Protein backbone atom coordinates (compact mmCIF):
# COMPACT_ATOMS: atom_id res chain seq x y z
CA MET A 1 -184.14 -118.15 -36.43
CA LYS A 2 -183.47 -114.67 -37.75
CA ILE A 3 -180.11 -112.87 -37.86
CA SER A 4 -179.72 -109.09 -37.81
CA LEU A 5 -176.52 -108.26 -39.73
CA GLN A 6 -175.30 -104.92 -38.39
CA VAL A 7 -172.05 -104.30 -40.23
CA ASN A 8 -171.08 -100.65 -40.03
CA PHE A 9 -167.52 -100.70 -41.38
CA SER A 10 -167.50 -98.32 -44.34
CA SER A 11 -164.84 -100.49 -45.93
CA MET A 12 -166.92 -103.66 -45.68
CA SER A 13 -169.88 -104.15 -48.00
CA VAL A 14 -171.50 -107.55 -47.70
CA PRO A 15 -172.60 -108.85 -51.13
CA ASP A 16 -175.97 -110.57 -51.47
CA SER A 17 -174.25 -113.71 -52.77
CA LEU A 18 -172.33 -114.03 -49.50
CA ILE A 19 -175.48 -113.49 -47.47
CA LYS A 20 -177.17 -116.34 -49.33
CA GLU A 21 -174.13 -118.52 -48.62
CA LEU A 22 -174.28 -117.65 -44.93
CA GLU A 23 -178.03 -118.29 -44.79
CA LYS A 24 -177.45 -121.75 -46.21
CA GLU A 25 -174.64 -122.41 -43.73
CA THR A 26 -176.62 -121.34 -40.65
CA GLY A 27 -180.14 -122.22 -41.75
CA CYS A 28 -181.23 -118.75 -40.63
CA GLU A 29 -182.81 -115.77 -42.38
CA ILE A 30 -180.39 -112.83 -42.54
CA THR A 31 -181.60 -109.21 -42.57
CA LYS A 32 -179.23 -106.32 -43.23
CA GLY A 33 -179.45 -103.71 -40.48
CA PHE A 34 -181.44 -103.65 -37.25
CA SER A 35 -184.29 -106.10 -36.82
CA ASP A 36 -186.24 -105.96 -33.57
CA ASP A 37 -187.43 -109.56 -33.82
CA ALA A 38 -184.05 -111.13 -34.69
CA GLU A 39 -182.77 -113.62 -32.13
CA ILE A 40 -179.16 -113.25 -33.30
CA VAL A 41 -177.15 -110.08 -33.96
CA VAL A 42 -173.90 -110.18 -35.96
CA PHE A 43 -172.27 -106.78 -35.68
CA ALA A 44 -169.30 -104.60 -36.53
CA GLY A 45 -169.31 -101.31 -34.67
CA LYS A 46 -171.89 -100.49 -32.00
CA PRO A 47 -174.79 -102.96 -32.06
CA GLU A 48 -178.49 -102.50 -31.42
CA VAL A 49 -180.23 -105.13 -29.31
CA GLY A 50 -183.68 -106.31 -30.38
CA ARG A 51 -186.50 -107.47 -28.11
CA ASN A 52 -185.86 -111.11 -29.08
CA THR A 53 -182.05 -111.02 -29.05
CA VAL A 54 -180.41 -113.93 -27.22
CA PHE A 55 -176.99 -114.11 -28.94
CA MET A 56 -174.62 -111.46 -30.28
CA GLN A 57 -171.52 -112.15 -32.37
CA SER A 58 -168.90 -109.49 -33.01
CA VAL A 59 -167.10 -109.37 -36.36
CA SER A 60 -164.21 -107.52 -34.74
CA ALA A 61 -161.80 -109.20 -32.35
CA GLY A 62 -162.12 -106.47 -29.72
CA VAL A 63 -165.39 -105.62 -27.97
CA ASN A 64 -164.25 -102.66 -25.87
CA HIS A 65 -166.58 -100.40 -27.89
CA VAL A 66 -169.69 -102.34 -26.80
CA ASN A 67 -171.80 -100.88 -23.98
CA PHE A 68 -172.53 -104.05 -22.01
CA LYS A 69 -174.78 -102.14 -19.62
CA ASP A 70 -177.31 -101.86 -22.47
CA ILE A 71 -177.25 -105.61 -23.17
CA PRO A 72 -179.49 -107.83 -21.02
CA GLU A 73 -177.59 -110.38 -18.92
CA ASN A 74 -179.37 -113.30 -20.59
CA VAL A 75 -177.78 -112.36 -23.94
CA THR A 76 -174.57 -114.24 -24.79
CA VAL A 77 -171.92 -112.07 -26.49
CA CYS A 78 -168.95 -113.51 -28.38
CA SER A 79 -165.87 -111.83 -29.77
CA ASN A 80 -164.17 -112.82 -33.02
CA ALA A 81 -160.77 -113.56 -31.52
CA ASP A 82 -158.10 -114.69 -34.00
CA ALA A 83 -160.15 -113.66 -37.06
CA TRP A 84 -157.94 -110.67 -37.89
CA SER A 85 -154.63 -112.11 -36.69
CA ILE A 86 -152.98 -112.60 -40.09
CA PRO A 87 -153.33 -109.07 -41.56
CA VAL A 88 -152.62 -107.42 -38.18
CA ALA A 89 -149.44 -109.46 -37.70
CA GLU A 90 -148.37 -108.66 -41.27
CA HIS A 91 -148.91 -104.96 -40.57
CA ALA A 92 -146.89 -105.22 -37.38
CA PHE A 93 -143.91 -106.55 -39.31
CA ALA A 94 -144.42 -103.90 -42.00
CA LEU A 95 -144.02 -101.26 -39.29
CA LEU A 96 -140.94 -103.01 -37.90
CA LEU A 97 -139.29 -103.34 -41.31
CA SER A 98 -140.11 -99.74 -42.21
CA LYS A 99 -138.05 -98.63 -39.21
CA TYR A 100 -135.25 -101.19 -39.24
CA LYS A 101 -134.75 -100.79 -43.00
CA ASN A 102 -135.10 -96.96 -42.97
CA ILE A 103 -137.97 -97.12 -45.49
CA CYS A 104 -139.85 -93.98 -44.42
CA LYS A 105 -136.70 -91.90 -43.96
CA SER A 106 -135.12 -93.00 -47.26
CA ASN A 107 -138.31 -92.38 -49.22
CA SER A 108 -138.65 -88.87 -47.76
CA LEU A 109 -134.99 -87.98 -48.44
CA ILE A 110 -135.01 -89.16 -52.05
CA ARG A 111 -138.27 -87.33 -52.75
CA ASN A 112 -136.50 -84.19 -51.52
CA GLY A 113 -133.52 -84.73 -53.79
CA GLN A 114 -131.19 -86.19 -51.14
CA TYR A 115 -129.52 -89.47 -52.07
CA GLU A 116 -128.21 -90.71 -48.72
CA ARG A 117 -127.41 -94.33 -47.92
CA GLU A 118 -127.55 -95.43 -44.30
CA LEU A 119 -126.86 -98.79 -42.72
CA SER A 120 -130.04 -100.58 -41.70
CA GLU A 121 -130.63 -103.18 -38.99
CA SER A 122 -131.68 -106.81 -39.28
CA LEU A 123 -134.48 -108.52 -37.42
CA TYR A 124 -132.35 -111.65 -37.33
CA GLY A 125 -131.32 -112.53 -33.78
CA LYS A 126 -133.61 -109.96 -32.16
CA THR A 127 -135.90 -110.89 -29.26
CA LEU A 128 -139.57 -110.09 -29.84
CA GLY A 129 -141.55 -109.64 -26.64
CA ILE A 130 -145.32 -109.95 -27.06
CA MET A 131 -147.45 -108.30 -24.39
CA GLY A 132 -150.76 -110.16 -24.64
CA TYR A 133 -150.19 -113.54 -26.21
CA GLY A 134 -153.39 -114.27 -28.12
CA GLY A 135 -154.18 -114.84 -31.79
CA ILE A 136 -152.19 -111.87 -33.08
CA GLY A 137 -149.30 -112.76 -30.82
CA ARG A 138 -149.24 -116.35 -32.06
CA GLU A 139 -149.12 -115.21 -35.68
CA MET A 140 -146.37 -112.69 -34.88
CA ALA A 141 -144.32 -115.37 -33.15
CA ARG A 142 -144.73 -117.65 -36.17
CA ILE A 143 -143.52 -114.92 -38.54
CA ALA A 144 -140.69 -113.99 -36.16
CA SER A 145 -139.33 -117.54 -36.35
CA VAL A 146 -138.96 -117.14 -40.13
CA PHE A 147 -136.81 -114.05 -39.54
CA GLY A 148 -134.63 -115.99 -37.12
CA MET A 149 -135.94 -114.11 -34.10
CA LYS A 150 -136.56 -115.30 -30.56
CA SER A 151 -140.10 -114.81 -29.18
CA VAL A 152 -141.21 -114.25 -25.60
CA GLY A 153 -144.91 -114.03 -24.72
CA PHE A 154 -146.75 -112.54 -21.74
CA GLY A 155 -150.30 -113.54 -20.84
CA ARG A 156 -152.66 -114.98 -18.26
CA THR A 157 -152.80 -118.54 -19.57
CA GLU A 158 -149.90 -120.59 -20.92
CA PRO A 159 -150.46 -121.29 -24.64
CA SER A 160 -150.55 -124.70 -26.27
CA ASP A 161 -148.66 -123.73 -29.46
CA ASN A 162 -144.91 -124.13 -29.86
CA ASN A 163 -144.09 -120.77 -31.46
CA LEU A 164 -142.68 -119.23 -28.29
CA ASP A 165 -139.24 -119.67 -26.83
CA ILE A 166 -140.44 -118.45 -23.41
CA PHE A 167 -143.87 -117.76 -21.88
CA THR A 168 -144.23 -115.63 -18.75
CA THR A 169 -146.92 -114.23 -16.46
CA ASP A 170 -144.48 -111.58 -15.16
CA LYS A 171 -145.29 -108.32 -16.97
CA LEU A 172 -141.78 -106.95 -16.37
CA TYR A 173 -139.98 -109.89 -17.98
CA ILE A 174 -140.57 -108.64 -21.52
CA PRO A 175 -139.45 -105.01 -21.07
CA GLU A 176 -136.38 -106.24 -19.22
CA ASN A 177 -135.41 -108.85 -21.84
CA ALA A 178 -136.78 -107.91 -25.28
CA ASP A 179 -135.35 -105.83 -28.13
CA ILE A 180 -138.87 -105.20 -29.43
CA MET A 181 -141.95 -104.94 -27.21
CA ALA A 182 -145.15 -105.62 -29.17
CA ILE A 183 -148.45 -104.67 -27.54
CA THR A 184 -151.36 -106.86 -28.59
CA LEU A 185 -153.43 -106.74 -25.39
CA PRO A 186 -157.21 -106.37 -25.66
CA LEU A 187 -158.66 -103.23 -24.06
CA ASN A 188 -160.78 -103.85 -20.98
CA ARG A 189 -161.07 -102.63 -17.39
CA TYR A 190 -157.91 -104.52 -16.41
CA THR A 191 -155.65 -103.48 -19.31
CA ASN A 192 -156.61 -99.80 -19.61
CA GLY A 193 -153.36 -97.94 -18.94
CA PHE A 194 -151.48 -101.22 -18.43
CA ILE A 195 -148.35 -99.86 -20.16
CA ASP A 196 -147.26 -97.02 -17.87
CA TYR A 197 -144.04 -95.12 -17.22
CA GLU A 198 -142.89 -97.59 -14.55
CA LEU A 199 -143.00 -100.37 -17.13
CA LEU A 200 -141.58 -98.26 -19.96
CA LYS A 201 -138.50 -97.22 -17.98
CA LYS A 202 -137.65 -100.92 -17.56
CA PHE A 203 -137.54 -101.46 -21.34
CA ARG A 204 -134.01 -102.35 -22.50
CA GLY A 205 -134.78 -102.48 -26.25
CA ASN A 206 -135.38 -99.72 -28.77
CA ILE A 207 -138.74 -100.45 -30.45
CA ILE A 208 -142.20 -100.41 -28.88
CA LEU A 209 -144.93 -101.58 -31.24
CA ASN A 210 -148.69 -101.26 -30.67
CA VAL A 211 -151.20 -103.06 -32.88
CA GLY A 212 -153.74 -103.44 -30.07
CA ARG A 213 -155.63 -100.47 -28.66
CA ALA A 214 -154.26 -97.01 -27.91
CA GLU A 215 -155.66 -96.80 -24.37
CA VAL A 216 -153.71 -99.87 -23.24
CA VAL A 217 -150.79 -97.40 -23.14
CA ARG A 218 -150.91 -94.31 -20.93
CA ARG A 219 -150.67 -91.42 -23.39
CA ASP A 220 -148.80 -88.89 -21.24
CA ASP A 221 -146.42 -91.56 -19.95
CA MET A 222 -145.53 -92.68 -23.48
CA LEU A 223 -145.04 -89.14 -24.79
CA ASP A 224 -142.87 -88.29 -21.78
CA TYR A 225 -140.85 -91.48 -22.27
CA LEU A 226 -140.29 -90.76 -25.98
CA SER A 227 -139.22 -87.19 -25.20
CA LYS A 228 -136.67 -88.36 -22.63
CA ASN A 229 -135.47 -91.25 -24.82
CA PRO A 230 -135.09 -89.98 -28.40
CA ASP A 231 -133.23 -93.18 -29.36
CA LYS A 232 -136.35 -95.25 -28.59
CA TRP A 233 -139.10 -95.60 -31.19
CA PHE A 234 -142.85 -96.08 -30.96
CA LEU A 235 -144.41 -97.79 -33.98
CA THR A 236 -148.19 -97.85 -33.75
CA ASP A 237 -151.35 -98.46 -35.72
CA VAL A 238 -153.49 -96.72 -33.10
CA TRP A 239 -153.51 -93.28 -31.50
CA TRP A 240 -155.33 -91.75 -28.57
CA GLY A 241 -158.56 -89.98 -29.49
CA GLU A 242 -158.57 -91.32 -33.04
CA PRO A 243 -159.74 -90.32 -35.59
CA LYS A 244 -159.13 -86.85 -34.15
CA ILE A 245 -155.40 -86.43 -33.65
CA GLU A 246 -154.44 -83.68 -31.21
CA GLY A 247 -150.96 -82.42 -30.42
CA LYS A 248 -147.65 -82.91 -32.18
CA ILE A 249 -146.62 -86.46 -32.93
CA PRO A 250 -143.00 -86.98 -31.80
CA ASP A 251 -140.30 -87.49 -34.41
CA ASN A 252 -139.46 -90.94 -33.02
CA VAL A 253 -142.92 -92.28 -33.94
CA ILE A 254 -144.21 -94.07 -37.03
CA VAL A 255 -148.00 -94.20 -37.04
CA THR A 256 -150.74 -95.57 -39.29
CA PRO A 257 -154.51 -94.84 -39.01
CA HIS A 258 -155.82 -98.06 -37.40
CA VAL A 259 -155.73 -100.01 -40.65
CA ALA A 260 -153.79 -103.12 -39.64
CA GLY A 261 -156.74 -105.44 -40.10
CA LEU A 262 -158.26 -103.73 -43.13
CA SER A 263 -156.87 -105.82 -45.96
CA LYS A 264 -159.13 -105.57 -49.02
CA ASP A 265 -158.54 -109.17 -50.03
CA TYR A 266 -159.20 -110.48 -46.51
CA MET A 267 -162.34 -108.65 -45.35
CA THR A 268 -164.79 -111.53 -45.86
CA VAL A 269 -162.69 -113.95 -43.81
CA PRO A 270 -163.56 -112.45 -40.37
CA LEU A 271 -167.24 -112.26 -41.36
CA LYS A 272 -167.25 -115.93 -42.33
CA LYS A 273 -165.49 -116.81 -39.06
CA ALA A 274 -168.11 -114.83 -37.15
CA PHE A 275 -170.85 -116.85 -38.81
CA GLN A 276 -168.99 -120.09 -38.09
CA ASN A 277 -169.36 -119.18 -34.43
CA VAL A 278 -173.05 -118.47 -34.98
CA SER A 279 -173.33 -122.05 -36.24
CA ALA A 280 -171.36 -123.20 -33.19
CA TYR A 281 -173.85 -121.33 -30.97
CA LEU A 282 -176.78 -122.97 -32.73
CA ASN A 283 -175.11 -126.31 -31.95
CA GLY A 284 -174.65 -125.33 -28.31
CA LYS A 285 -170.86 -124.78 -28.46
CA PRO A 286 -170.03 -121.10 -29.06
CA LYS A 287 -166.39 -119.99 -28.77
CA ASN A 288 -164.88 -116.76 -27.45
CA VAL A 289 -167.73 -116.01 -25.05
CA VAL A 290 -167.09 -112.59 -23.52
CA ASN A 291 -166.90 -112.20 -19.75
CA ARG A 292 -168.85 -108.97 -19.43
CA LYS A 293 -167.28 -108.33 -15.99
CA ASP A 294 -164.10 -107.47 -17.91
CA TYR A 295 -165.90 -104.49 -19.43
CA ILE A 296 -168.34 -103.21 -16.78
């Protein structure tokens, strides 16, 4: 079989030595870029479907950017769930610590000649609420336990790991009981705008963290909430309309440019995991098969 490797991340260059390794692992010929006669497409970004395509494997965890209407129904599409969980969870805690330990504020003050010392807060004893308990959520709960935090997870299916103190299918349980509400939901037709003002006004804590997708949160509802609650903070790796940023970003926001998963010493790991699932497909047991009804 032939594999079309369509990797469009500017930060990810696939060396020929790795391609040879992946060819040996899968037993398939790998061609960089679009190949009309390739049966398998491994992609990052928006993929092109060839006339012989029967299986498509995403390098990214999310597939909300894929136009499933352009993909024939006989083509199996798989996500790369869990592949980016470690760097994204690390980034989430970097955002939390930057706020709780006054990192951004202290750095700015000192650079402007102001030596001011302010009491920080500890993560110890805080309750972390994870909206969307998947791979990223599991890694965040594991890290949270090291900080002496309690973790509560929301999702559709009860997990098998033991990192959580509480699991719930009630979407209001976390805003009503957590100090920190972390958003790790995938973006699909059911989660678009899932975090709205009605949910936000129930939040008893002071930190909302988003390392998922911007559109899971209603933009105007969040901006209105932050304006009315200046003591609440929104820490986020994603922003609406990115990379074009329109309008003033509120003062009670810390934002990074969708870089949580882009760790330079980790980039080949998701690609290798994607190809592991290609091998699983070739053996008749692919994982993370996408339900296209979630996206059409």
